[in-house]
Amino acid sequence: WSGRRRQVTVELRMMRHATLALVAFALCFAAAAAGGEASVAEAREAGLAALEKPLEKMRVKELLHLLRERGVKCEDCKGAEKSHLVEKVRGAIHLPKLPPPEEEKPSGGGKDESMEDILAKLKGMPGMDNIKVFGRDDIEKMKQNDFKDL
């Protein structure tokens, strides 16, 4: 098995490298199709002009928000000088804003429905056939009756 495991590991590495190469190629192709550096500079100017106030007058929180909404990860931004953040935003302002992440909203019952889903998943597990889960309301009722309902 160890020989097969090594072979699979090598194949996975090769697939990762191929994927990275394809992504790099796609990015280069997209940049060339967009007109290269001139269009990036124009997009940066348009992005800066669309802001409510100059980058230098923005708070650090606002600058970080601009980076986040464009999907830019800045690991060295924590505790960094504001001037570093301004330059980072200036370099990324031409990127399109990403759509906000959609949060999953439970349909209908909310908490009760998700609890029902969890219990349904437990049904097939050995030893979980007759399980009873008590919610906060159940426990409050039991406290009022001095736990006589057990």
N, C-alpha and C. Protein backbone atom coordinates (compact mmCIF):
# COMPACT_ATOMS: atom_id res chain seq x y z
N TRP A 1 0.80 -1.20 0.00
CA TRP A 1 0.00 0.00 0.00
C TRP A 1 0.84 1.26 0.00
N SER A 2 2.00 1.22 0.64
CA SER A 2 2.80 2.43 0.74
C SER A 2 3.29 2.88 -0.64
N GLY A 3 3.57 1.93 -1.54
CA GLY A 3 3.97 2.31 -2.90
C GLY A 3 2.84 2.98 -3.65
N ARG A 4 1.63 2.47 -3.47
CA ARG A 4 0.45 3.06 -4.12
C ARG A 4 0.18 4.45 -3.53
N ARG A 5 0.36 4.58 -2.23
CA ARG A 5 0.14 5.87 -1.58
C ARG A 5 1.11 6.92 -2.12
N ARG A 6 2.38 6.53 -2.29
CA ARG A 6 3.36 7.46 -2.86
C ARG A 6 2.97 7.86 -4.27
N GLN A 7 2.51 6.89 -5.05
CA GLN A 7 2.12 7.18 -6.43
C GLN A 7 0.96 8.16 -6.46
N VAL A 8 -0.02 7.96 -5.60
CA VAL A 8 -1.17 8.87 -5.53
C VAL A 8 -0.72 10.25 -5.10
N THR A 9 0.19 10.33 -4.13
CA THR A 9 0.71 11.62 -3.67
C THR A 9 1.42 12.35 -4.79
N VAL A 10 2.22 11.64 -5.55
CA VAL A 10 2.93 12.26 -6.68
C VAL A 10 1.93 12.73 -7.73
N GLU A 11 0.91 11.93 -8.00
CA GLU A 11 -0.10 12.32 -8.98
C GLU A 11 -0.85 13.57 -8.52
N LEU A 12 -1.16 13.63 -7.24
CA LEU A 12 -1.84 14.81 -6.72
C LEU A 12 -0.97 16.06 -6.85
N ARG A 13 0.31 15.92 -6.57
CA ARG A 13 1.22 17.06 -6.72
C ARG A 13 1.26 17.53 -8.17
N MET A 14 1.32 16.57 -9.08
CA MET A 14 1.37 16.93 -10.50
C MET A 14 0.09 17.63 -10.92
N MET A 15 -1.06 17.18 -10.38
CA MET A 15 -2.33 17.82 -10.72
C MET A 15 -2.37 19.24 -10.16
N ARG A 16 -1.84 19.43 -8.95
CA ARG A 16 -1.81 20.78 -8.37
C ARG A 16 -0.95 21.71 -9.21
N HIS A 17 0.22 21.22 -9.62
CA HIS A 17 1.10 22.05 -10.44
C HIS A 17 0.45 22.38 -11.78
N ALA A 18 -0.21 21.41 -12.37
CA ALA A 18 -0.89 21.66 -13.64
C ALA A 18 -2.02 22.68 -13.46
N THR A 19 -2.74 22.57 -12.35
CA THR A 19 -3.82 23.52 -12.07
C THR A 19 -3.27 24.92 -11.88
N LEU A 20 -2.19 25.04 -11.13
CA LEU A 20 -1.58 26.35 -10.92
C LEU A 20 -1.09 26.95 -12.24
N ALA A 21 -0.53 26.11 -13.08
CA ALA A 21 -0.05 26.58 -14.37
C ALA A 21 -1.22 27.08 -15.22
N LEU A 22 -2.33 26.36 -15.20
CA LEU A 22 -3.51 26.78 -15.96
C LEU A 22 -4.06 28.10 -15.44
N VAL A 23 -4.09 28.24 -14.12
CA VAL A 23 -4.59 29.49 -13.52
C VAL A 23 -3.68 30.66 -13.91
N ALA A 24 -2.37 30.44 -13.83
CA ALA A 24 -1.42 31.49 -14.22
C ALA A 24 -1.60 31.86 -15.69
N PHE A 25 -1.77 30.87 -16.53
CA PHE A 25 -1.98 31.13 -17.95
C PHE A 25 -3.27 31.93 -18.17
N ALA A 26 -4.33 31.54 -17.46
CA ALA A 26 -5.61 32.24 -17.61
C ALA A 26 -5.49 33.70 -17.16
N LEU A 27 -4.77 33.93 -16.07
CA LEU A 27 -4.58 35.31 -15.61
C LEU A 27 -3.78 36.13 -16.61
N CYS A 28 -2.74 35.54 -17.16
CA CYS A 28 -1.95 36.25 -18.18
C CYS A 28 -2.79 36.54 -19.41
N PHE A 29 -3.57 35.58 -19.82
CA PHE A 29 -4.43 35.75 -20.99
C PHE A 29 -5.46 36.84 -20.74
N ALA A 30 -6.05 36.85 -19.54
CA ALA A 30 -7.06 37.86 -19.21
C ALA A 30 -6.44 39.25 -19.18
N ALA A 31 -5.22 39.35 -18.65
CA ALA A 31 -4.55 40.66 -18.60
C ALA A 31 -4.23 41.14 -20.02
N ALA A 32 -3.80 40.24 -20.87
CA ALA A 32 -3.49 40.62 -22.25
C ALA A 32 -4.76 41.02 -22.99
N ALA A 33 -5.83 40.32 -22.74
CA ALA A 33 -7.09 40.63 -23.41
C ALA A 33 -7.67 41.95 -22.93
N ALA A 34 -7.38 42.31 -21.71
CA ALA A 34 -7.91 43.56 -21.17
C ALA A 34 -7.12 44.78 -21.62
N GLY A 35 -6.09 44.59 -22.36
CA GLY A 35 -5.35 45.73 -22.87
C GLY A 35 -4.09 46.02 -22.10
N GLY A 36 -3.71 45.14 -21.18
CA GLY A 36 -2.44 45.29 -20.49
C GLY A 36 -2.42 46.37 -19.44
N GLU A 37 -1.25 46.96 -19.27
CA GLU A 37 -1.02 47.92 -18.19
C GLU A 37 -1.82 49.21 -18.33
N ALA A 38 -2.05 49.65 -19.55
CA ALA A 38 -2.78 50.91 -19.74
C ALA A 38 -4.18 50.82 -19.18
N SER A 39 -4.86 49.71 -19.44
CA SER A 39 -6.23 49.58 -18.94
C SER A 39 -6.25 49.40 -17.43
N VAL A 40 -5.23 48.76 -16.85
CA VAL A 40 -5.15 48.61 -15.40
C VAL A 40 -4.98 49.98 -14.75
N ALA A 41 -4.13 50.80 -15.33
CA ALA A 41 -3.92 52.15 -14.79
C ALA A 41 -5.20 52.97 -14.88
N GLU A 42 -5.90 52.83 -16.00
CA GLU A 42 -7.18 53.54 -16.15
C GLU A 42 -8.19 53.04 -15.13
N ALA A 43 -8.24 51.73 -14.92
CA ALA A 43 -9.17 51.16 -13.96
C ALA A 43 -8.83 51.63 -12.54
N ARG A 44 -7.53 51.73 -12.23
CA ARG A 44 -7.13 52.23 -10.91
C ARG A 44 -7.59 53.67 -10.72
N GLU A 45 -7.38 54.49 -11.74
CA GLU A 45 -7.80 55.89 -11.64
C GLU A 45 -9.31 56.00 -11.47
N ALA A 46 -10.05 55.18 -12.21
CA ALA A 46 -11.51 55.19 -12.09
C ALA A 46 -11.94 54.72 -10.70
N GLY A 47 -11.27 53.70 -10.18
CA GLY A 47 -11.59 53.20 -8.85
C GLY A 47 -11.31 54.22 -7.77
N LEU A 48 -10.20 54.92 -7.89
CA LEU A 48 -9.86 55.97 -6.92
C LEU A 48 -10.83 57.14 -7.01
N ALA A 49 -11.25 57.48 -8.23
CA ALA A 49 -12.19 58.59 -8.42
C ALA A 49 -13.57 58.24 -7.85
N ALA A 50 -13.92 56.97 -7.84
CA ALA A 50 -15.24 56.56 -7.36
C ALA A 50 -15.34 56.56 -5.84
N LEU A 51 -14.22 56.65 -5.15
CA LEU A 51 -14.24 56.65 -3.69
C LEU A 51 -14.80 57.95 -3.15
N GLU A 52 -15.40 57.87 -1.96
CA GLU A 52 -16.00 59.05 -1.34
C GLU A 52 -14.95 60.05 -0.88
N LYS A 53 -13.80 59.54 -0.42
CA LYS A 53 -12.75 60.43 0.04
C LYS A 53 -11.40 59.82 -0.31
N PRO A 54 -10.35 60.61 -0.30
CA PRO A 54 -9.03 60.08 -0.65
C PRO A 54 -8.59 58.98 0.31
N LEU A 55 -7.78 58.07 -0.19
CA LEU A 55 -7.31 56.95 0.63
C LEU A 55 -6.59 57.43 1.88
N GLU A 56 -5.82 58.49 1.76
CA GLU A 56 -5.04 58.97 2.89
C GLU A 56 -5.92 59.46 4.03
N LYS A 57 -7.15 59.86 3.76
CA LYS A 57 -8.05 60.37 4.79
C LYS A 57 -8.95 59.27 5.35
N MET A 58 -8.85 58.07 4.82
CA MET A 58 -9.67 56.96 5.31
C MET A 58 -9.05 56.35 6.55
N ARG A 59 -9.90 55.74 7.36
CA ARG A 59 -9.44 55.02 8.54
C ARG A 59 -8.90 53.66 8.11
N VAL A 60 -8.13 53.06 8.99
CA VAL A 60 -7.55 51.74 8.72
C VAL A 60 -8.66 50.73 8.48
N LYS A 61 -9.73 50.81 9.25
CA LYS A 61 -10.85 49.89 9.10
C LYS A 61 -11.46 50.00 7.71
N GLU A 62 -11.59 51.22 7.20
CA GLU A 62 -12.15 51.43 5.86
C GLU A 62 -11.22 50.87 4.78
N LEU A 63 -9.92 51.05 4.97
CA LEU A 63 -8.95 50.53 4.00
C LEU A 63 -8.99 49.01 3.98
N LEU A 64 -9.06 48.40 5.15
CA LEU A 64 -9.14 46.95 5.22
C LEU A 64 -10.43 46.44 4.57
N HIS A 65 -11.51 47.19 4.74
CA HIS A 65 -12.78 46.82 4.11
C HIS A 65 -12.66 46.85 2.59
N LEU A 66 -11.99 47.86 2.05
CA LEU A 66 -11.79 47.95 0.60
C LEU A 66 -11.02 46.74 0.09
N LEU A 67 -10.02 46.31 0.85
CA LEU A 67 -9.24 45.13 0.44
C LEU A 67 -10.10 43.87 0.52
N ARG A 68 -10.85 43.73 1.61
CA ARG A 68 -11.68 42.53 1.79
C ARG A 68 -12.74 42.40 0.71
N GLU A 69 -13.38 43.51 0.34
CA GLU A 69 -14.45 43.41 -0.64
C GLU A 69 -13.93 43.15 -2.04
N ARG A 70 -12.63 43.25 -2.23
CA ARG A 70 -12.02 42.88 -3.51
C ARG A 70 -11.32 41.54 -3.45
N GLY A 71 -11.42 40.88 -2.32
CA GLY A 71 -10.85 39.55 -2.16
C GLY A 71 -9.35 39.52 -1.99
N VAL A 72 -8.76 40.64 -1.60
CA VAL A 72 -7.31 40.71 -1.41
C VAL A 72 -6.98 40.28 0.01
N LYS A 73 -6.12 39.29 0.13
CA LYS A 73 -5.68 38.83 1.44
C LYS A 73 -4.39 39.55 1.79
N CYS A 74 -4.37 40.12 2.97
CA CYS A 74 -3.21 40.89 3.39
C CYS A 74 -2.76 40.37 4.74
N GLU A 75 -1.86 39.40 4.72
CA GLU A 75 -1.41 38.80 5.97
C GLU A 75 -0.46 39.71 6.74
N ASP A 76 0.23 40.60 6.04
CA ASP A 76 1.16 41.50 6.72
C ASP A 76 0.51 42.84 7.06
N CYS A 77 -0.81 42.94 6.95
CA CYS A 77 -1.50 44.20 7.22
C CYS A 77 -1.81 44.39 8.70
N LYS A 78 -1.86 43.31 9.45
CA LYS A 78 -2.18 43.44 10.87
C LYS A 78 -1.05 44.18 11.58
N GLY A 79 -1.38 45.32 12.14
CA GLY A 79 -0.38 46.11 12.84
C GLY A 79 0.53 46.90 11.91
N ALA A 80 0.22 46.92 10.62
CA ALA A 80 1.07 47.62 9.66
C ALA A 80 0.77 49.12 9.69
N GLU A 81 1.69 49.87 9.16
CA GLU A 81 1.50 51.32 9.04
C GLU A 81 0.36 51.61 8.08
N LYS A 82 -0.32 52.71 8.30
CA LYS A 82 -1.42 53.09 7.43
C LYS A 82 -0.94 53.32 6.01
N SER A 83 0.26 53.84 5.86
CA SER A 83 0.80 54.09 4.52
C SER A 83 0.95 52.79 3.74
N HIS A 84 1.29 51.70 4.45
CA HIS A 84 1.38 50.39 3.80
C HIS A 84 0.01 49.96 3.28
N LEU A 85 -1.03 50.17 4.10
CA LEU A 85 -2.39 49.82 3.69
C LEU A 85 -2.85 50.67 2.50
N VAL A 86 -2.51 51.96 2.54
CA VAL A 86 -2.90 52.85 1.44
C VAL A 86 -2.29 52.35 0.13
N GLU A 87 -1.02 51.96 0.15
CA GLU A 87 -0.37 51.46 -1.06
C GLU A 87 -0.97 50.13 -1.51
N LYS A 88 -1.32 49.29 -0.55
CA LYS A 88 -1.94 48.01 -0.89
C LYS A 88 -3.30 48.23 -1.55
N VAL A 89 -4.10 49.16 -1.01
CA VAL A 89 -5.40 49.46 -1.61
C VAL A 89 -5.22 50.10 -2.97
N ARG A 90 -4.26 51.01 -3.09
CA ARG A 90 -4.00 51.67 -4.37
C ARG A 90 -3.64 50.64 -5.45
N GLY A 91 -2.94 49.59 -5.06
CA GLY A 91 -2.57 48.54 -6.01
C GLY A 91 -3.70 47.59 -6.35
N ALA A 92 -4.75 47.56 -5.50
CA ALA A 92 -5.83 46.60 -5.71
C ALA A 92 -7.17 47.25 -6.04
N ILE A 93 -7.21 48.57 -6.11
CA ILE A 93 -8.48 49.27 -6.29
C ILE A 93 -9.12 48.98 -7.65
N HIS A 94 -8.31 48.54 -8.61
CA HIS A 94 -8.86 48.24 -9.94
C HIS A 94 -9.58 46.90 -10.00
N LEU A 95 -9.40 46.06 -8.97
CA LEU A 95 -10.04 44.75 -8.96
C LEU A 95 -11.54 44.91 -8.72
N PRO A 96 -12.34 44.04 -9.32
CA PRO A 96 -13.79 44.14 -9.12
C PRO A 96 -14.17 43.72 -7.71
N LYS A 97 -15.25 44.32 -7.23
CA LYS A 97 -15.76 43.95 -5.91
C LYS A 97 -16.40 42.57 -6.01
N LEU A 98 -16.13 41.76 -5.01
CA LEU A 98 -16.72 40.43 -4.96
C LEU A 98 -18.12 40.53 -4.39
N PRO A 99 -19.02 39.66 -4.82
CA PRO A 99 -20.36 39.69 -4.22
C PRO A 99 -20.26 39.25 -2.76
N PRO A 100 -21.09 39.82 -1.90
CA PRO A 100 -21.04 39.42 -0.49
C PRO A 100 -21.41 37.95 -0.35
N PRO A 101 -20.76 37.26 0.58
CA PRO A 101 -21.08 35.84 0.74
C PRO A 101 -22.52 35.66 1.19
N GLU A 102 -23.20 34.72 0.55
CA GLU A 102 -24.59 34.47 0.91
C GLU A 102 -24.63 33.55 2.12
N GLU A 103 -25.41 33.94 3.09
CA GLU A 103 -25.54 33.13 4.28
C GLU A 103 -26.69 32.16 4.07
N GLU A 104 -26.48 30.94 4.55
CA GLU A 104 -27.54 29.95 4.44
C GLU A 104 -28.63 30.29 5.44
N LYS A 105 -29.84 30.42 4.92
CA LYS A 105 -30.98 30.72 5.78
C LYS A 105 -31.84 29.47 5.86
N PRO A 106 -32.07 28.98 7.06
CA PRO A 106 -32.92 27.81 7.17
C PRO A 106 -34.35 28.16 6.77
N SER A 107 -34.96 27.29 6.04
CA SER A 107 -36.33 27.55 5.58
C SER A 107 -37.30 27.08 6.64
N GLY A 108 -38.28 27.88 6.91
CA GLY A 108 -39.35 27.48 7.81
C GLY A 108 -39.00 27.55 9.27
N GLY A 109 -38.74 26.40 9.87
CA GLY A 109 -38.67 26.27 11.31
C GLY A 109 -37.47 26.85 12.00
N GLY A 110 -36.44 27.23 11.34
CA GLY A 110 -35.27 27.81 11.98
C GLY A 110 -34.52 26.80 12.82
N LYS A 111 -34.36 27.09 14.14
CA LYS A 111 -33.59 26.22 15.03
C LYS A 111 -34.21 24.84 15.14
N ASP A 112 -35.54 24.78 15.26
CA ASP A 112 -36.20 23.50 15.43
C ASP A 112 -35.97 22.61 14.22
N GLU A 113 -36.01 23.20 13.04
CA GLU A 113 -35.81 22.41 11.84
C GLU A 113 -34.39 21.87 11.77
N SER A 114 -33.41 22.69 12.12
CA SER A 114 -32.04 22.21 12.08
C SER A 114 -31.82 21.12 13.14
N MET A 115 -32.48 21.22 14.27
CA MET A 115 -32.39 20.19 15.29
C MET A 115 -33.00 18.90 14.77
N GLU A 116 -34.11 19.02 14.05
CA GLU A 116 -34.73 17.84 13.46
C GLU A 116 -33.80 17.18 12.45
N ASP A 117 -33.10 18.00 11.68
CA ASP A 117 -32.14 17.45 10.71
C ASP A 117 -31.04 16.69 11.42
N ILE A 118 -30.55 17.25 12.52
CA ILE A 118 -29.48 16.60 13.28
C ILE A 118 -29.97 15.27 13.85
N LEU A 119 -31.16 15.29 14.41
CA LEU A 119 -31.71 14.05 14.97
C LEU A 119 -31.94 13.01 13.89
N ALA A 120 -32.37 13.44 12.72
CA ALA A 120 -32.59 12.51 11.61
C ALA A 120 -31.27 11.85 11.19
N LYS A 121 -30.19 12.62 11.23
CA LYS A 121 -28.88 12.06 10.89
C LYS A 121 -28.41 11.07 11.93
N LEU A 122 -28.79 11.28 13.20
CA LEU A 122 -28.38 10.39 14.27
C LEU A 122 -29.15 9.07 14.26
N LYS A 123 -30.33 9.06 13.64
CA LYS A 123 -31.20 7.87 13.67
C LYS A 123 -30.49 6.62 13.17
N GLY A 124 -29.70 6.73 12.13
CA GLY A 124 -29.06 5.55 11.56
C GLY A 124 -27.84 5.06 12.32
N MET A 125 -27.37 5.83 13.28
CA MET A 125 -26.17 5.45 14.02
C MET A 125 -26.52 4.41 15.08
N PRO A 126 -25.64 3.45 15.30
CA PRO A 126 -25.89 2.43 16.32
C PRO A 126 -26.01 3.05 17.71
N GLY A 127 -27.02 2.65 18.45
CA GLY A 127 -27.22 3.13 19.81
C GLY A 127 -27.96 4.45 19.90
N MET A 128 -28.35 5.03 18.78
CA MET A 128 -29.00 6.34 18.78
C MET A 128 -30.49 6.24 18.41
N ASP A 129 -31.05 5.05 18.45
CA ASP A 129 -32.44 4.89 18.01
C ASP A 129 -33.43 5.59 18.94
N ASN A 130 -33.27 5.46 20.24
CA ASN A 130 -34.24 6.01 21.19
C ASN A 130 -33.70 7.21 21.94
N ILE A 131 -32.92 8.02 21.27
CA ILE A 131 -32.30 9.17 21.93
C ILE A 131 -33.32 10.30 22.06
N LYS A 132 -33.27 10.99 23.18
CA LYS A 132 -34.13 12.15 23.42
C LYS A 132 -33.23 13.34 23.67
N VAL A 133 -33.42 14.41 22.93
CA VAL A 133 -32.63 15.63 23.09
C VAL A 133 -33.52 16.68 23.72
N PHE A 134 -33.03 17.27 24.80
CA PHE A 134 -33.80 18.30 25.49
C PHE A 134 -33.28 19.67 25.08
N GLY A 135 -34.21 20.55 24.75
CA GLY A 135 -33.88 21.92 24.42
C GLY A 135 -33.93 22.79 25.66
N ARG A 136 -33.59 24.05 25.49
CA ARG A 136 -33.60 24.99 26.62
C ARG A 136 -34.99 25.10 27.23
N ASP A 137 -36.02 25.17 26.38
CA ASP A 137 -37.40 25.28 26.88
C ASP A 137 -37.79 24.05 27.69
N ASP A 138 -37.40 22.86 27.19
CA ASP A 138 -37.70 21.63 27.92
C ASP A 138 -37.07 21.64 29.30
N ILE A 139 -35.83 22.07 29.38
CA ILE A 139 -35.12 22.09 30.66
C ILE A 139 -35.76 23.10 31.61
N GLU A 140 -36.19 24.25 31.09
CA GLU A 140 -36.86 25.24 31.94
C GLU A 140 -38.15 24.67 32.51
N LYS A 141 -38.93 23.94 31.68
CA LYS A 141 -40.18 23.34 32.16
C LYS A 141 -39.89 22.29 33.23
N MET A 142 -38.82 21.51 33.01
CA MET A 142 -38.47 20.49 34.00
C MET A 142 -38.04 21.13 35.32
N LYS A 143 -37.33 22.25 35.25
CA LYS A 143 -36.93 22.95 36.48
C LYS A 143 -38.15 23.40 37.27
N GLN A 144 -39.17 23.90 36.54
CA GLN A 144 -40.37 24.37 37.22
C GLN A 144 -41.11 23.22 37.89
N ASN A 145 -41.02 22.03 37.30
CA ASN A 145 -41.71 20.85 37.89
C ASN A 145 -40.78 20.00 38.73
N ASP A 146 -39.63 20.54 39.12
CA ASP A 146 -38.62 19.84 39.92
C ASP A 146 -38.21 18.51 39.28
N PHE A 147 -38.12 18.51 37.97
CA PHE A 147 -37.68 17.36 37.17
C PHE A 147 -38.53 16.11 37.41
N LYS A 148 -39.83 16.28 37.67
CA LYS A 148 -40.73 15.14 37.89
C LYS A 148 -41.10 14.46 36.58
N ASP A 149 -40.95 15.17 35.45
CA ASP A 149 -41.37 14.60 34.16
C ASP A 149 -40.39 13.58 33.62
N LEU A 150 -39.23 13.44 34.24
CA LEU A 150 -38.23 12.50 33.74
C LEU A 150 -38.69 11.14 34.06
